[in-house]
Amino acid sequence: MANIKAAREARGWSQRQLVEAMHRRGFAMTQTTMTRVESFKRDLKLNEIADICRTLHIDPEDIALNPDDFKGELEVSTRRGAYADAADALESACKEYETACRALYSIGVQDDEVYIDPDPFTFWGRLARTSCVGIAKQTYEDGAGKWRRGNADALAPDDPMSGDGRS
């Protein structure tokens, strides 16, 4: 599976990093298995191919392409992967931020930068009830979304501007 190795390397991942990314997504595979797959000592089951493709953001039909033809698909999968990594990092950071704000508010800290007003009719109250991820997506849709709407073919499948309802 030369294309799996090429896609993994294009992401800058070791076999271990790929296996860890698969585990975070609920897919089971060991580094030993991945080594055997990449060295053509073990065939993949269909569900394993699907799991690897989802983790690397590769279209499953592209994995079977001639390696020279597959090189053209690497840029797309690498950018989709970078997008997914950034979205995951944003979501994680927003959850940490919200937890920290709640912890400060619970002990009475009401600094302007972290203040969460429990009154739903104030600006801060509405903001407190809107997740950080929601705010980031709305900002994205309002700003960068204008460019993205004009370039729909460049969208990752889970991009909030894709309009397919998977965001």
C-alpha atoms as a PDB file:
ATOM      1  CA  MET A   1       0.000   0.000   0.000  1.00  0.00           C
ATOM      2  CA  ALA A   2       2.412   2.603  -1.258  1.00  0.00           C
ATOM      3  CA  ASN A   3      -0.327   5.238  -1.347  1.00  0.00           C
ATOM      4  CA  ILE A   4      -1.065   4.886   2.364  1.00  0.00           C
ATOM      5  CA  LYS A   5       2.594   5.408   3.177  1.00  0.00           C
ATOM      6  CA  ALA A   6       2.791   8.375   0.784  1.00  0.00           C
ATOM      7  CA  ALA A   7      -0.280   9.989   2.366  1.00  0.00           C
ATOM      8  CA  ARG A   8       1.021   9.389   5.874  1.00  0.00           C
ATOM      9  CA  GLU A   9       4.402  10.880   4.998  1.00  0.00           C
ATOM     10  CA  ALA A  10       2.748  13.848   3.253  1.00  0.00           C
ATOM     11  CA  ARG A  11       1.048  14.634   6.578  1.00  0.00           C
ATOM     12  CA  GLY A  12       4.442  14.428   8.265  1.00  0.00           C
ATOM     13  CA  TRP A  13       3.262  11.530  10.417  1.00  0.00           C
ATOM     14  CA  SER A  14       5.176   8.504  11.609  1.00  0.00           C
ATOM     15  CA  GLN A  15       3.395   5.160  11.629  1.00  0.00           C
ATOM     16  CA  ARG A  16       2.917   5.629  15.358  1.00  0.00           C
ATOM     17  CA  GLN A  17       1.248   9.023  14.846  1.00  0.00           C
ATOM     18  CA  LEU A  18      -1.115   7.557  12.251  1.00  0.00           C
ATOM     19  CA  VAL A  19      -2.067   4.696  14.564  1.00  0.00           C
ATOM     20  CA  GLU A  20      -2.602   7.165  17.454  1.00  0.00           C
ATOM     21  CA  ALA A  21      -4.784   9.357  15.232  1.00  0.00           C
ATOM     22  CA  MET A  22      -6.792   6.282  14.291  1.00  0.00           C
ATOM     23  CA  HIS A  23      -7.241   5.362  17.960  1.00  0.00           C
ATOM     24  CA  ARG A  24      -8.502   8.897  18.761  1.00  0.00           C
ATOM     25  CA  ARG A  25     -11.154   8.374  16.094  1.00  0.00           C
ATOM     26  CA  GLY A  26     -12.133   4.989  17.519  1.00  0.00           C
ATOM     27  CA  PHE A  27     -10.350   2.831  14.944  1.00  0.00           C
ATOM     28  CA  ALA A  28      -8.251  -0.122  16.076  1.00  0.00           C
ATOM     29  CA  MET A  29      -4.853  -0.843  14.556  1.00  0.00           C
ATOM     30  CA  THR A  30      -1.365  -1.412  15.939  1.00  0.00           C
ATOM     31  CA  GLN A  31       1.897   0.042  14.740  1.00  0.00           C
ATOM     32  CA  THR A  32       3.119  -3.487  14.019  1.00  0.00           C
ATOM     33  CA  THR A  33       0.134  -4.040  11.748  1.00  0.00           C
ATOM     34  CA  MET A  34       0.759  -0.733   9.981  1.00  0.00           C
ATOM     35  CA  THR A  35       4.408  -1.679   9.418  1.00  0.00           C
ATOM     36  CA  ARG A  36       3.358  -5.007   7.916  1.00  0.00           C
ATOM     37  CA  VAL A  37       0.758  -3.288   5.693  1.00  0.00           C
ATOM     38  CA  GLU A  38       3.223  -0.708   4.382  1.00  0.00           C
ATOM     39  CA  SER A  39       5.829  -3.387   3.682  1.00  0.00           C
ATOM     40  CA  PHE A  40       3.261  -5.490   1.746  1.00  0.00           C
ATOM     41  CA  LYS A  41       3.413  -8.314   4.314  1.00  0.00           C
ATOM     42  CA  ARG A  42      -0.241  -7.987   5.296  1.00  0.00           C
ATOM     43  CA  ASP A  43      -3.365  -7.289   3.290  1.00  0.00           C
ATOM     44  CA  LEU A  44      -5.942  -4.835   4.574  1.00  0.00           C
ATOM     45  CA  LYS A  45      -9.568  -5.645   5.228  1.00  0.00           C
ATOM     46  CA  LEU A  46     -12.123  -3.325   3.646  1.00  0.00           C
ATOM     47  CA  ASN A  47     -13.053  -1.755   6.989  1.00  0.00           C
ATOM     48  CA  GLU A  48      -9.363  -1.090   7.721  1.00  0.00           C
ATOM     49  CA  ILE A  49      -8.939   0.649   4.377  1.00  0.00           C
ATOM     50  CA  ALA A  50     -11.970   2.812   5.179  1.00  0.00           C
ATOM     51  CA  ASP A  51     -10.612   3.629   8.658  1.00  0.00           C
ATOM     52  CA  ILE A  52      -7.191   4.610   7.321  1.00  0.00           C
ATOM     53  CA  CYS A  53      -8.739   6.700   4.531  1.00  0.00           C
ATOM     54  CA  ARG A  54     -10.978   8.571   6.996  1.00  0.00           C
ATOM     55  CA  THR A  55      -8.030   9.250   9.290  1.00  0.00           C
ATOM     56  CA  LEU A  56      -5.820  10.494   6.447  1.00  0.00           C
ATOM     57  CA  HIS A  57      -8.711  12.332   4.712  1.00  0.00           C
ATOM     58  CA  ILE A  58      -8.254  10.333   1.513  1.00  0.00           C
ATOM     59  CA  ASP A  59     -11.096   9.323  -0.755  1.00  0.00           C
ATOM     60  CA  PRO A  60     -11.189   5.498  -0.629  1.00  0.00           C
ATOM     61  CA  GLU A  61     -11.249   5.178  -4.408  1.00  0.00           C
ATOM     62  CA  ASP A  62      -8.022   7.215  -4.624  1.00  0.00           C
ATOM     63  CA  ILE A  63      -6.083   4.753  -2.473  1.00  0.00           C
ATOM     64  CA  ALA A  64      -6.040   2.295  -5.382  1.00  0.00           C
ATOM     65  CA  LEU A  65      -4.670   4.801  -7.907  1.00  0.00           C
ATOM     66  CA  ASN A  66      -1.328   4.346  -9.579  1.00  0.00           C
ATOM     67  CA  PRO A  67       1.231   5.965  -7.193  1.00  0.00           C
ATOM     68  CA  ASP A  68       2.145   8.566  -9.814  1.00  0.00           C
ATOM     69  CA  ASP A  69      -1.514   9.547 -10.234  1.00  0.00           C
ATOM     70  CA  PHE A  70      -2.022   9.511  -6.470  1.00  0.00           C
ATOM     71  CA  LYS A  71       0.580  12.255  -6.002  1.00  0.00           C
ATOM     72  CA  GLY A  72      -1.939  14.748  -7.383  1.00  0.00           C
ATOM     73  CA  GLU A  73      -4.434  13.754  -4.696  1.00  0.00           C
ATOM     74  CA  LEU A  74      -1.919  14.171  -1.881  1.00  0.00           C
ATOM     75  CA  GLU A  75      -2.181  17.951  -1.792  1.00  0.00           C
ATOM     76  CA  VAL A  76      -5.948  17.771  -1.360  1.00  0.00           C
ATOM     77  CA  SER A  77      -5.771  15.133   1.378  1.00  0.00           C
ATOM     78  CA  THR A  78      -2.951  16.964   3.159  1.00  0.00           C
ATOM     79  CA  ARG A  79      -4.917  20.231   3.195  1.00  0.00           C
ATOM     80  CA  ARG A  80      -8.066  18.436   4.358  1.00  0.00           C
ATOM     81  CA  GLY A  81      -6.031  16.895   7.137  1.00  0.00           C
ATOM     82  CA  ALA A  82      -4.583  20.249   8.169  1.00  0.00           C
ATOM     83  CA  TYR A  83      -8.095  21.700   8.198  1.00  0.00           C
ATOM     84  CA  ALA A  84      -9.386  18.843  10.370  1.00  0.00           C
ATOM     85  CA  ASP A  85      -6.434  19.155  12.762  1.00  0.00           C
ATOM     86  CA  ALA A  86      -7.015  22.900  13.110  1.00  0.00           C
ATOM     87  CA  ALA A  87     -10.753  22.376  13.706  1.00  0.00           C
ATOM     88  CA  ASP A  88      -9.993  19.775  16.395  1.00  0.00           C
ATOM     89  CA  ALA A  89      -7.472  22.100  18.058  1.00  0.00           C
ATOM     90  CA  LEU A  90      -9.967  24.986  17.971  1.00  0.00           C
ATOM     91  CA  GLU A  91     -12.691  22.887  19.531  1.00  0.00           C
ATOM     92  CA  SER A  92     -10.342  21.645  22.253  1.00  0.00           C
ATOM     93  CA  ALA A  93      -9.065  25.154  23.016  1.00  0.00           C
ATOM     94  CA  CYS A  94     -12.614  26.511  23.146  1.00  0.00           C
ATOM     95  CA  LYS A  95     -13.680  23.825  25.608  1.00  0.00           C
ATOM     96  CA  GLU A  96     -10.690  24.648  27.807  1.00  0.00           C
ATOM     97  CA  TYR A  97     -11.511  28.359  27.581  1.00  0.00           C
ATOM     98  CA  GLU A  98     -15.145  27.796  28.526  1.00  0.00           C
ATOM     99  CA  THR A  99     -14.133  25.583  31.465  1.00  0.00           C
ATOM    100  CA  ALA A 100     -11.668  28.207  32.704  1.00  0.00           C
ATOM    101  CA  CYS A 101     -14.293  30.975  32.398  1.00  0.00           C
ATOM    102  CA  ARG A 102     -16.823  28.936  34.363  1.00  0.00           C
ATOM    103  CA  ALA A 103     -14.218  28.132  37.037  1.00  0.00           C
ATOM    104  CA  LEU A 104     -13.335  31.823  37.438  1.00  0.00           C
ATOM    105  CA  TYR A 105     -16.965  32.843  37.563  1.00  0.00           C
ATOM    106  CA  SER A 106     -17.725  30.159  40.151  1.00  0.00           C
ATOM    107  CA  ILE A 107     -15.247  31.720  42.554  1.00  0.00           C
ATOM    108  CA  GLY A 108     -16.508  35.238  41.904  1.00  0.00           C
ATOM    109  CA  VAL A 109     -13.829  36.543  39.532  1.00  0.00           C
ATOM    110  CA  GLN A 110     -15.523  39.016  37.248  1.00  0.00           C
ATOM    111  CA  ASP A 111     -12.733  40.436  35.158  1.00  0.00           C
ATOM    112  CA  ASP A 112     -13.974  42.088  31.943  1.00  0.00           C
ATOM    113  CA  GLU A 113     -12.126  39.539  29.824  1.00  0.00           C
ATOM    114  CA  VAL A 114     -13.628  36.476  31.515  1.00  0.00           C
ATOM    115  CA  TYR A 115     -16.858  37.752  33.001  1.00  0.00           C
ATOM    116  CA  ILE A 116     -19.875  35.544  32.342  1.00  0.00           C
ATOM    117  CA  ASP A 117     -23.144  37.218  33.203  1.00  0.00           C
ATOM    118  CA  PRO A 118     -25.900  34.765  34.108  1.00  0.00           C
ATOM    119  CA  ASP A 119     -28.563  37.201  32.864  1.00  0.00           C
ATOM    120  CA  PRO A 120     -29.573  35.951  29.379  1.00  0.00           C
ATOM    121  CA  PHE A 121     -30.678  39.434  28.283  1.00  0.00           C
ATOM    122  CA  THR A 122     -27.232  41.038  28.510  1.00  0.00           C
ATOM    123  CA  PHE A 123     -24.497  40.731  25.921  1.00  0.00           C
ATOM    124  CA  TRP A 124     -22.313  38.671  28.254  1.00  0.00           C
ATOM    125  CA  GLY A 125     -25.214  36.441  29.201  1.00  0.00           C
ATOM    126  CA  ARG A 126     -25.930  35.640  25.556  1.00  0.00           C
ATOM    127  CA  LEU A 127     -22.229  35.126  24.938  1.00  0.00           C
ATOM    128  CA  ALA A 128     -22.011  32.733  27.897  1.00  0.00           C
ATOM    129  CA  ARG A 129     -24.753  30.614  26.383  1.00  0.00           C
ATOM    130  CA  THR A 130     -23.115  30.492  22.970  1.00  0.00           C
ATOM    131  CA  SER A 131     -20.226  28.082  22.677  1.00  0.00           C
ATOM    132  CA  CYS A 132     -16.844  29.349  21.636  1.00  0.00           C
ATOM    133  CA  VAL A 133     -16.940  26.960  18.687  1.00  0.00           C
ATOM    134  CA  GLY A 134     -20.280  28.431  17.603  1.00  0.00           C
ATOM    135  CA  ILE A 135     -18.851  31.940  17.756  1.00  0.00           C
ATOM    136  CA  ALA A 136     -15.786  30.873  15.753  1.00  0.00           C
ATOM    137  CA  LYS A 137     -17.979  29.206  13.111  1.00  0.00           C
ATOM    138  CA  GLN A 138     -20.225  32.259  12.868  1.00  0.00           C
ATOM    139  CA  THR A 139     -17.210  34.537  12.453  1.00  0.00           C
ATOM    140  CA  TYR A 140     -15.857  32.174   9.810  1.00  0.00           C
ATOM    141  CA  GLU A 141     -19.173  32.096   7.961  1.00  0.00           C
ATOM    142  CA  ASP A 142     -19.468  35.879   8.071  1.00  0.00           C
ATOM    143  CA  GLY A 143     -15.906  36.584   6.913  1.00  0.00           C
ATOM    144  CA  ALA A 144     -13.943  33.844   5.244  1.00  0.00           C
ATOM    145  CA  GLY A 145     -17.179  32.169   4.201  1.00  0.00           C
ATOM    146  CA  LYS A 146     -17.647  34.758   1.458  1.00  0.00           C
ATOM    147  CA  TRP A 147     -14.508  33.490  -0.267  1.00  0.00           C
ATOM    148  CA  ARG A 148     -15.383  29.861   0.426  1.00  0.00           C
ATOM    149  CA  ARG A 149     -18.858  30.185  -1.126  1.00  0.00           C
ATOM    150  CA  GLY A 150     -17.220  31.223  -4.389  1.00  0.00           C
ATOM    151  CA  ASN A 151     -14.802  28.301  -4.219  1.00  0.00           C
ATOM    152  CA  ALA A 152     -17.085  25.450  -3.183  1.00  0.00           C
ATOM    153  CA  ASP A 153     -14.993  22.853  -4.981  1.00  0.00           C
ATOM    154  CA  ALA A 154     -12.104  23.562  -2.580  1.00  0.00           C
ATOM    155  CA  LEU A 155     -14.149  22.752   0.520  1.00  0.00           C
ATOM    156  CA  ALA A 156     -13.339  19.902   2.868  1.00  0.00           C
ATOM    157  CA  PRO A 157     -16.357  17.596   3.355  1.00  0.00           C
ATOM    158  CA  ASP A 158     -16.838  18.751   6.965  1.00  0.00           C
ATOM    159  CA  ASP A 159     -16.316  22.447   6.225  1.00  0.00           C
ATOM    160  CA  PRO A 160     -19.228  24.432   7.689  1.00  0.00           C
ATOM    161  CA  MET A 161     -19.635  26.205   4.360  1.00  0.00           C
ATOM    162  CA  SER A 162     -20.010  22.969   2.388  1.00  0.00           C
ATOM    163  CA  GLY A 163     -23.747  23.034   2.937  1.00  0.00           C
ATOM    164  CA  ASP A 164     -24.004  19.271   3.204  1.00  0.00           C
ATOM    165  CA  GLY A 165     -25.073  19.347   6.860  1.00  0.00           C
ATOM    166  CA  ARG A 166     -22.094  17.456   8.241  1.00  0.00           C
ATOM    167  CA  SER A 167     -20.579  20.343  10.189  1.00  0.00           C
END
